[in-house]
Amino acid sequence: METTNQDGTPHTFTVQGLLLRGGKLVGVATGALEDLAPDETRTVILTAPEALPERDEILVVVETLRK
């Protein structure tokens, strides 16, 4: 997932990807980025401890954010 810091300070954060099928939660994946500079774009890679189930939607939520 591409992420751009549109703020004026660097950020470190973790995210969760909520995997949905037919509107029901079927799995969770997590990812993190450290020191994303202002106006910088990087890719967050979401991983899970087990094989990801079939899904038709992913909701991404910022879990923690540090400035």
PDB file of N, CA and C in Angstrom:
ATOM      1  N   MET A   1       0.840  -1.148   0.000  1.00  0.00           N
ATOM      2  CA  MET A   1       0.000   0.000   0.000  1.00  0.00           C
ATOM      3  C   MET A   1       0.903   1.234   0.000  1.00  0.00           C
ATOM      4  N   GLU A   2       0.693   2.122  -0.943  1.00  0.00           N
ATOM      5  CA  GLU A   2       1.455   3.367  -1.009  1.00  0.00           C
ATOM      6  C   GLU A   2       0.959   4.345   0.052  1.00  0.00           C
ATOM      7  N   THR A   3       1.909   4.984   0.746  1.00  0.00           N
ATOM      8  CA  THR A   3       1.575   5.925   1.806  1.00  0.00           C
ATOM      9  C   THR A   3       2.418   7.179   1.633  1.00  0.00           C
ATOM     10  N   THR A   4       1.779   8.342   1.706  1.00  0.00           N
ATOM     11  CA  THR A   4       2.479   9.621   1.599  1.00  0.00           C
ATOM     12  C   THR A   4       2.249  10.424   2.872  1.00  0.00           C
ATOM     13  N   ASN A   5       3.329  10.950   3.422  1.00  0.00           N
ATOM     14  CA  ASN A   5       3.237  11.814   4.594  1.00  0.00           C
ATOM     15  C   ASN A   5       2.919  13.225   4.108  1.00  0.00           C
ATOM     16  N   GLN A   6       1.704  13.685   4.362  1.00  0.00           N
ATOM     17  CA  GLN A   6       1.291  15.017   3.934  1.00  0.00           C
ATOM     18  C   GLN A   6       1.393  16.028   5.067  1.00  0.00           C
ATOM     19  N   ASP A   7       2.095  15.653   6.135  1.00  0.00           N
ATOM     20  CA  ASP A   7       2.301  16.512   7.286  1.00  0.00           C
ATOM     21  C   ASP A   7       3.689  17.137   7.188  1.00  0.00           C
ATOM     22  N   GLY A   8       3.988  18.079   8.065  1.00  0.00           N
ATOM     23  CA  GLY A   8       5.270  18.761   8.044  1.00  0.00           C
ATOM     24  C   GLY A   8       6.349  18.120   8.903  1.00  0.00           C
ATOM     25  N   THR A   9       6.034  17.003   9.588  1.00  0.00           N
ATOM     26  CA  THR A   9       7.011  16.328  10.439  1.00  0.00           C
ATOM     27  C   THR A   9       7.077  14.842  10.080  1.00  0.00           C
ATOM     28  N   PRO A  10       8.212  14.184  10.366  1.00  0.00           N
ATOM     29  CA  PRO A  10       8.319  12.740  10.108  1.00  0.00           C
ATOM     30  C   PRO A  10       7.386  11.949  11.020  1.00  0.00           C
ATOM     31  N   HIS A  11       6.968  10.780  10.549  1.00  0.00           N
ATOM     32  CA  HIS A  11       6.085   9.932  11.345  1.00  0.00           C
ATOM     33  C   HIS A  11       6.540   8.483  11.303  1.00  0.00           C
ATOM     34  N   THR A  12       6.301   7.790  12.399  1.00  0.00           N
ATOM     35  CA  THR A  12       6.472   6.339  12.514  1.00  0.00           C
ATOM     36  C   THR A  12       5.110   5.800  12.908  1.00  0.00           C
ATOM     37  N   PHE A  13       4.638   4.754  12.222  1.00  0.00           N
ATOM     38  CA  PHE A  13       3.304   4.256  12.528  1.00  0.00           C
ATOM     39  C   PHE A  13       3.143   2.786  12.193  1.00  0.00           C
ATOM     40  N   THR A  14       2.111   2.191  12.780  1.00  0.00           N
ATOM     41  CA  THR A  14       1.708   0.829  12.446  1.00  0.00           C
ATOM     42  C   THR A  14       0.275   0.879  11.925  1.00  0.00           C
ATOM     43  N   VAL A  15      -0.036  -0.055  11.027  1.00  0.00           N
ATOM     44  CA  VAL A  15      -1.377  -0.130  10.461  1.00  0.00           C
ATOM     45  C   VAL A  15      -1.889  -1.558  10.523  1.00  0.00           C
ATOM     46  N   GLN A  16      -3.208  -1.684  10.488  1.00  0.00           N
ATOM     47  CA  GLN A  16      -3.845  -2.984  10.364  1.00  0.00           C
ATOM     48  C   GLN A  16      -4.677  -2.971   9.098  1.00  0.00           C
ATOM     49  N   GLY A  17      -4.647  -4.071   8.367  1.00  0.00           N
ATOM     50  CA  GLY A  17      -5.533  -4.270   7.235  1.00  0.00           C
ATOM     51  C   GLY A  17      -6.597  -5.269   7.654  1.00  0.00           C
ATOM     52  N   LEU A  18      -7.841  -4.824   7.717  1.00  0.00           N
ATOM     53  CA  LEU A  18      -8.945  -5.699   8.092  1.00  0.00           C
ATOM     54  C   LEU A  18      -9.492  -6.321   6.817  1.00  0.00           C
ATOM     55  N   LEU A  19      -9.379  -7.632   6.697  1.00  0.00           N
ATOM     56  CA  LEU A  19      -9.772  -8.344   5.489  1.00  0.00           C
ATOM     57  C   LEU A  19     -11.226  -8.773   5.613  1.00  0.00           C
ATOM     58  N   LEU A  20     -12.046  -8.328   4.657  1.00  0.00           N
ATOM     59  CA  LEU A  20     -13.477  -8.595   4.707  1.00  0.00           C
ATOM     60  C   LEU A  20     -13.909  -9.419   3.493  1.00  0.00           C
ATOM     61  N   ARG A  21     -14.855 -10.301   3.713  1.00  0.00           N
ATOM     62  CA  ARG A  21     -15.506 -11.033   2.629  1.00  0.00           C
ATOM     63  C   ARG A  21     -16.998 -10.984   2.910  1.00  0.00           C
ATOM     64  N   GLY A  22     -17.732 -10.400   1.978  1.00  0.00           N
ATOM     65  CA  GLY A  22     -19.166 -10.246   2.176  1.00  0.00           C
ATOM     66  C   GLY A  22     -19.499  -9.402   3.390  1.00  0.00           C
ATOM     67  N   GLY A  23     -18.639  -8.444   3.721  1.00  0.00           N
ATOM     68  CA  GLY A  23     -18.869  -7.560   4.852  1.00  0.00           C
ATOM     69  C   GLY A  23     -18.476  -8.141   6.201  1.00  0.00           C
ATOM     70  N   LYS A  24     -17.973  -9.383   6.219  1.00  0.00           N
ATOM     71  CA  LYS A  24     -17.577 -10.022   7.479  1.00  0.00           C
ATOM     72  C   LYS A  24     -16.056 -10.117   7.579  1.00  0.00           C
ATOM     73  N   LEU A  25     -15.531  -9.893   8.776  1.00  0.00           N
ATOM     74  CA  LEU A  25     -14.093  -9.961   9.021  1.00  0.00           C
ATOM     75  C   LEU A  25     -13.614 -11.404   8.891  1.00  0.00           C
ATOM     76  N   VAL A  26     -12.616 -11.625   8.004  1.00  0.00           N
ATOM     77  CA  VAL A  26     -12.076 -12.979   7.813  1.00  0.00           C
ATOM     78  C   VAL A  26     -10.585 -13.062   8.119  1.00  0.00           C
ATOM     79  N   GLY A  27      -9.945 -11.926   8.411  1.00  0.00           N
ATOM     80  CA  GLY A  27      -8.524 -11.942   8.739  1.00  0.00           C
ATOM     81  C   GLY A  27      -7.997 -10.549   9.010  1.00  0.00           C
ATOM     82  N   VAL A  28      -6.787 -10.502   9.571  1.00  0.00           N
ATOM     83  CA  VAL A  28      -6.125  -9.238   9.879  1.00  0.00           C
ATOM     84  C   VAL A  28      -4.661  -9.345   9.456  1.00  0.00           C
ATOM     85  N   ALA A  29      -4.164  -8.306   8.815  1.00  0.00           N
ATOM     86  CA  ALA A  29      -2.749  -8.212   8.453  1.00  0.00           C
ATOM     87  C   ALA A  29      -2.210  -6.916   9.054  1.00  0.00           C
ATOM     88  N   THR A  30      -0.910  -6.868   9.337  1.00  0.00           N
ATOM     89  CA  THR A  30      -0.320  -5.675   9.945  1.00  0.00           C
ATOM     90  C   THR A  30       0.912  -5.221   9.176  1.00  0.00           C
ATOM     91  N   GLY A  31       1.274  -3.965   9.359  1.00  0.00           N
ATOM     92  CA  GLY A  31       2.467  -3.419   8.732  1.00  0.00           C
ATOM     93  C   GLY A  31       2.945  -2.201   9.506  1.00  0.00           C
ATOM     94  N   ALA A  32       4.138  -1.730   9.180  1.00  0.00           N
ATOM     95  CA  ALA A  32       4.708  -0.577   9.884  1.00  0.00           C
ATOM     96  C   ALA A  32       5.657   0.186   8.970  1.00  0.00           C
ATOM     97  N   LEU A  33       5.798   1.469   9.253  1.00  0.00           N
ATOM     98  CA  LEU A  33       6.798   2.320   8.604  1.00  0.00           C
ATOM     99  C   LEU A  33       7.459   3.170   9.675  1.00  0.00           C
ATOM    100  N   GLU A  34       8.757   3.375   9.525  1.00  0.00           N
ATOM    101  CA  GLU A  34       9.503   4.223  10.460  1.00  0.00           C
ATOM    102  C   GLU A  34      10.041   5.442   9.743  1.00  0.00           C
ATOM    103  N   ASP A  35       9.930   6.571  10.409  1.00  0.00           N
ATOM    104  CA  ASP A  35      10.514   7.832   9.946  1.00  0.00           C
ATOM    105  C   ASP A  35      10.136   8.179   8.510  1.00  0.00           C
ATOM    106  N   LEU A  36       8.846   8.203   8.220  1.00  0.00           N
ATOM    107  CA  LEU A  36       8.363   8.650   6.914  1.00  0.00           C
ATOM    108  C   LEU A  36       8.445  10.173   6.892  1.00  0.00           C
ATOM    109  N   ALA A  37       9.328  10.704   6.076  1.00  0.00           N
ATOM    110  CA  ALA A  37       9.609  12.143   6.038  1.00  0.00           C
ATOM    111  C   ALA A  37       8.447  12.910   5.394  1.00  0.00           C
ATOM    112  N   PRO A  38       8.359  14.225   5.669  1.00  0.00           N
ATOM    113  CA  PRO A  38       7.334  15.044   5.024  1.00  0.00           C
ATOM    114  C   PRO A  38       7.407  14.925   3.502  1.00  0.00           C
ATOM    115  N   ASP A  39       6.263  14.759   2.872  1.00  0.00           N
ATOM    116  CA  ASP A  39       6.117  14.621   1.411  1.00  0.00           C
ATOM    117  C   ASP A  39       6.741  13.351   0.839  1.00  0.00           C
ATOM    118  N   GLU A  40       7.240  12.469   1.675  1.00  0.00           N
ATOM    119  CA  GLU A  40       7.818  11.207   1.198  1.00  0.00           C
ATOM    120  C   GLU A  40       6.712  10.173   0.995  1.00  0.00           C
ATOM    121  N   THR A  41       6.872   9.352  -0.054  1.00  0.00           N
ATOM    122  CA  THR A  41       5.950   8.250  -0.319  1.00  0.00           C
ATOM    123  C   THR A  41       6.726   6.945  -0.255  1.00  0.00           C
ATOM    124  N   ARG A  42       6.192   5.986   0.509  1.00  0.00           N
ATOM    125  CA  ARG A  42       6.781   4.651   0.606  1.00  0.00           C
ATOM    126  C   ARG A  42       5.667   3.617   0.613  1.00  0.00           C
ATOM    127  N   THR A  43       6.061   2.372   0.464  1.00  0.00           N
ATOM    128  CA  THR A  43       5.100   1.271   0.460  1.00  0.00           C
ATOM    129  C   THR A  43       5.080   0.588   1.824  1.00  0.00           C
ATOM    130  N   VAL A  44       3.878   0.418   2.373  1.00  0.00           N
ATOM    131  CA  VAL A  44       3.685  -0.361   3.596  1.00  0.00           C
ATOM    132  C   VAL A  44       3.307  -1.773   3.149  1.00  0.00           C
ATOM    133  N   ILE A  45       4.027  -2.760   3.645  1.00  0.00           N
ATOM    134  CA  ILE A  45       3.723  -4.148   3.320  1.00  0.00           C
ATOM    135  C   ILE A  45       2.956  -4.762   4.484  1.00  0.00           C
ATOM    136  N   LEU A  46       1.761  -5.248   4.199  1.00  0.00           N
ATOM    137  CA  LEU A  46       0.934  -5.881   5.225  1.00  0.00           C
ATOM    138  C   LEU A  46       1.210  -7.378   5.226  1.00  0.00           C
ATOM    139  N   THR A  47       1.441  -7.932   6.414  1.00  0.00           N
ATOM    140  CA  THR A  47       1.709  -9.365   6.544  1.00  0.00           C
ATOM    141  C   THR A  47       0.800  -9.963   7.611  1.00  0.00           C
ATOM    142  N   ALA A  48       0.637 -11.274   7.534  1.00  0.00           N
ATOM    143  CA  ALA A  48      -0.191 -11.993   8.503  1.00  0.00           C
ATOM    144  C   ALA A  48       0.549 -13.247   8.930  1.00  0.00           C
ATOM    145  N   PRO A  49       0.269 -13.745  10.145  1.00  0.00           N
ATOM    146  CA  PRO A  49       0.973 -14.932  10.639  1.00  0.00           C
ATOM    147  C   PRO A  49       0.565 -16.222   9.931  1.00  0.00           C
ATOM    148  N   GLU A  50      -0.493 -16.164   9.150  1.00  0.00           N
ATOM    149  CA  GLU A  50      -0.956 -17.346   8.432  1.00  0.00           C
ATOM    150  C   GLU A  50      -1.366 -16.924   7.020  1.00  0.00           C
ATOM    151  N   ALA A  51      -1.703 -17.894   6.187  1.00  0.00           N
ATOM    152  CA  ALA A  51      -2.120 -17.591   4.822  1.00  0.00           C
ATOM    153  C   ALA A  51      -3.341 -16.668   4.843  1.00  0.00           C
ATOM    154  N   LEU A  52      -3.337 -15.679   3.959  1.00  0.00           N
ATOM    155  CA  LEU A  52      -4.460 -14.746   3.907  1.00  0.00           C
ATOM    156  C   LEU A  52      -5.659 -15.401   3.238  1.00  0.00           C
ATOM    157  N   PRO A  53      -6.829 -15.262   3.846  1.00  0.00           N
ATOM    158  CA  PRO A  53      -8.034 -15.851   3.263  1.00  0.00           C
ATOM    159  C   PRO A  53      -8.514 -15.046   2.051  1.00  0.00           C
ATOM    160  N   GLU A  54      -9.391 -15.651   1.257  1.00  0.00           N
ATOM    161  CA  GLU A  54     -10.013 -14.916   0.160  1.00  0.00           C
ATOM    162  C   GLU A  54     -10.795 -13.756   0.755  1.00  0.00           C
ATOM    163  N   ARG A  55     -10.719 -12.607   0.092  1.00  0.00           N
ATOM    164  CA  ARG A  55     -11.413 -11.430   0.594  1.00  0.00           C
ATOM    165  C   ARG A  55     -11.804 -10.564  -0.583  1.00  0.00           C
ATOM    166  N   ASP A  56     -12.768  -9.674  -0.342  1.00  0.00           N
ATOM    167  CA  ASP A  56     -13.195  -8.772  -1.410  1.00  0.00           C
ATOM    168  C   ASP A  56     -13.035  -7.299  -1.027  1.00  0.00           C
ATOM    169  N   GLU A  57     -12.520  -7.084   0.185  1.00  0.00           N
ATOM    170  CA  GLU A  57     -12.321  -5.712   0.647  1.00  0.00           C
ATOM    171  C   GLU A  57     -11.258  -5.694   1.736  1.00  0.00           C
ATOM    172  N   ILE A  58     -10.457  -4.618   1.762  1.00  0.00           N
ATOM    173  CA  ILE A  58      -9.485  -4.424   2.838  1.00  0.00           C
ATOM    174  C   ILE A  58      -9.677  -3.015   3.388  1.00  0.00           C
ATOM    175  N   LEU A  59      -9.952  -2.934   4.676  1.00  0.00           N
ATOM    176  CA  LEU A  59     -10.034  -1.645   5.355  1.00  0.00           C
ATOM    177  C   LEU A  59      -8.722  -1.431   6.087  1.00  0.00           C
ATOM    178  N   VAL A  60      -8.071  -0.297   5.852  1.00  0.00           N
ATOM    179  CA  VAL A  60      -6.783  -0.012   6.483  1.00  0.00           C
ATOM    180  C   VAL A  60      -6.995   1.001   7.599  1.00  0.00           C
ATOM    181  N   VAL A  61      -6.465   0.673   8.781  1.00  0.00           N
ATOM    182  CA  VAL A  61      -6.633   1.507   9.970  1.00  0.00           C
ATOM    183  C   VAL A  61      -5.254   1.792  10.564  1.00  0.00           C
ATOM    184  N   VAL A  62      -4.972   3.068  10.875  1.00  0.00           N
ATOM    185  CA  VAL A  62      -3.737   3.407  11.581  1.00  0.00           C
ATOM    186  C   VAL A  62      -3.915   2.957  13.032  1.00  0.00           C
ATOM    187  N   GLU A  63      -3.024   2.085  13.465  1.00  0.00           N
ATOM    188  CA  GLU A  63      -3.116   1.536  14.821  1.00  0.00           C
ATOM    189  C   GLU A  63      -2.382   2.417  15.834  1.00  0.00           C
ATOM    190  N   THR A  64      -1.132   2.776  15.530  1.00  0.00           N
ATOM    191  CA  THR A  64      -0.362   3.679  16.377  1.00  0.00           C
ATOM    192  C   THR A  64       0.338   4.699  15.500  1.00  0.00           C
ATOM    193  N   LEU A  65       0.544   5.894  16.031  1.00  0.00           N
ATOM    194  CA  LEU A  65       1.216   6.959  15.295  1.00  0.00           C
ATOM    195  C   LEU A  65       2.118   7.698  16.257  1.00  0.00           C
ATOM    196  N   ARG A  66       3.397   7.802  15.888  1.00  0.00           N
ATOM    197  CA  ARG A  66       4.356   8.582  16.682  1.00  0.00           C
ATOM    198  C   ARG A  66       4.938   9.667  15.804  1.00  0.00           C
ATOM    199  N   LYS A  67       5.078  10.851  16.369  1.00  0.00           N
ATOM    200  CA  LYS A  67       5.711  11.953  15.625  1.00  0.00           C
ATOM    201  C   LYS A  67       7.171  11.965  15.906  1.00  0.00           C
TER     202      LYS A  67
END
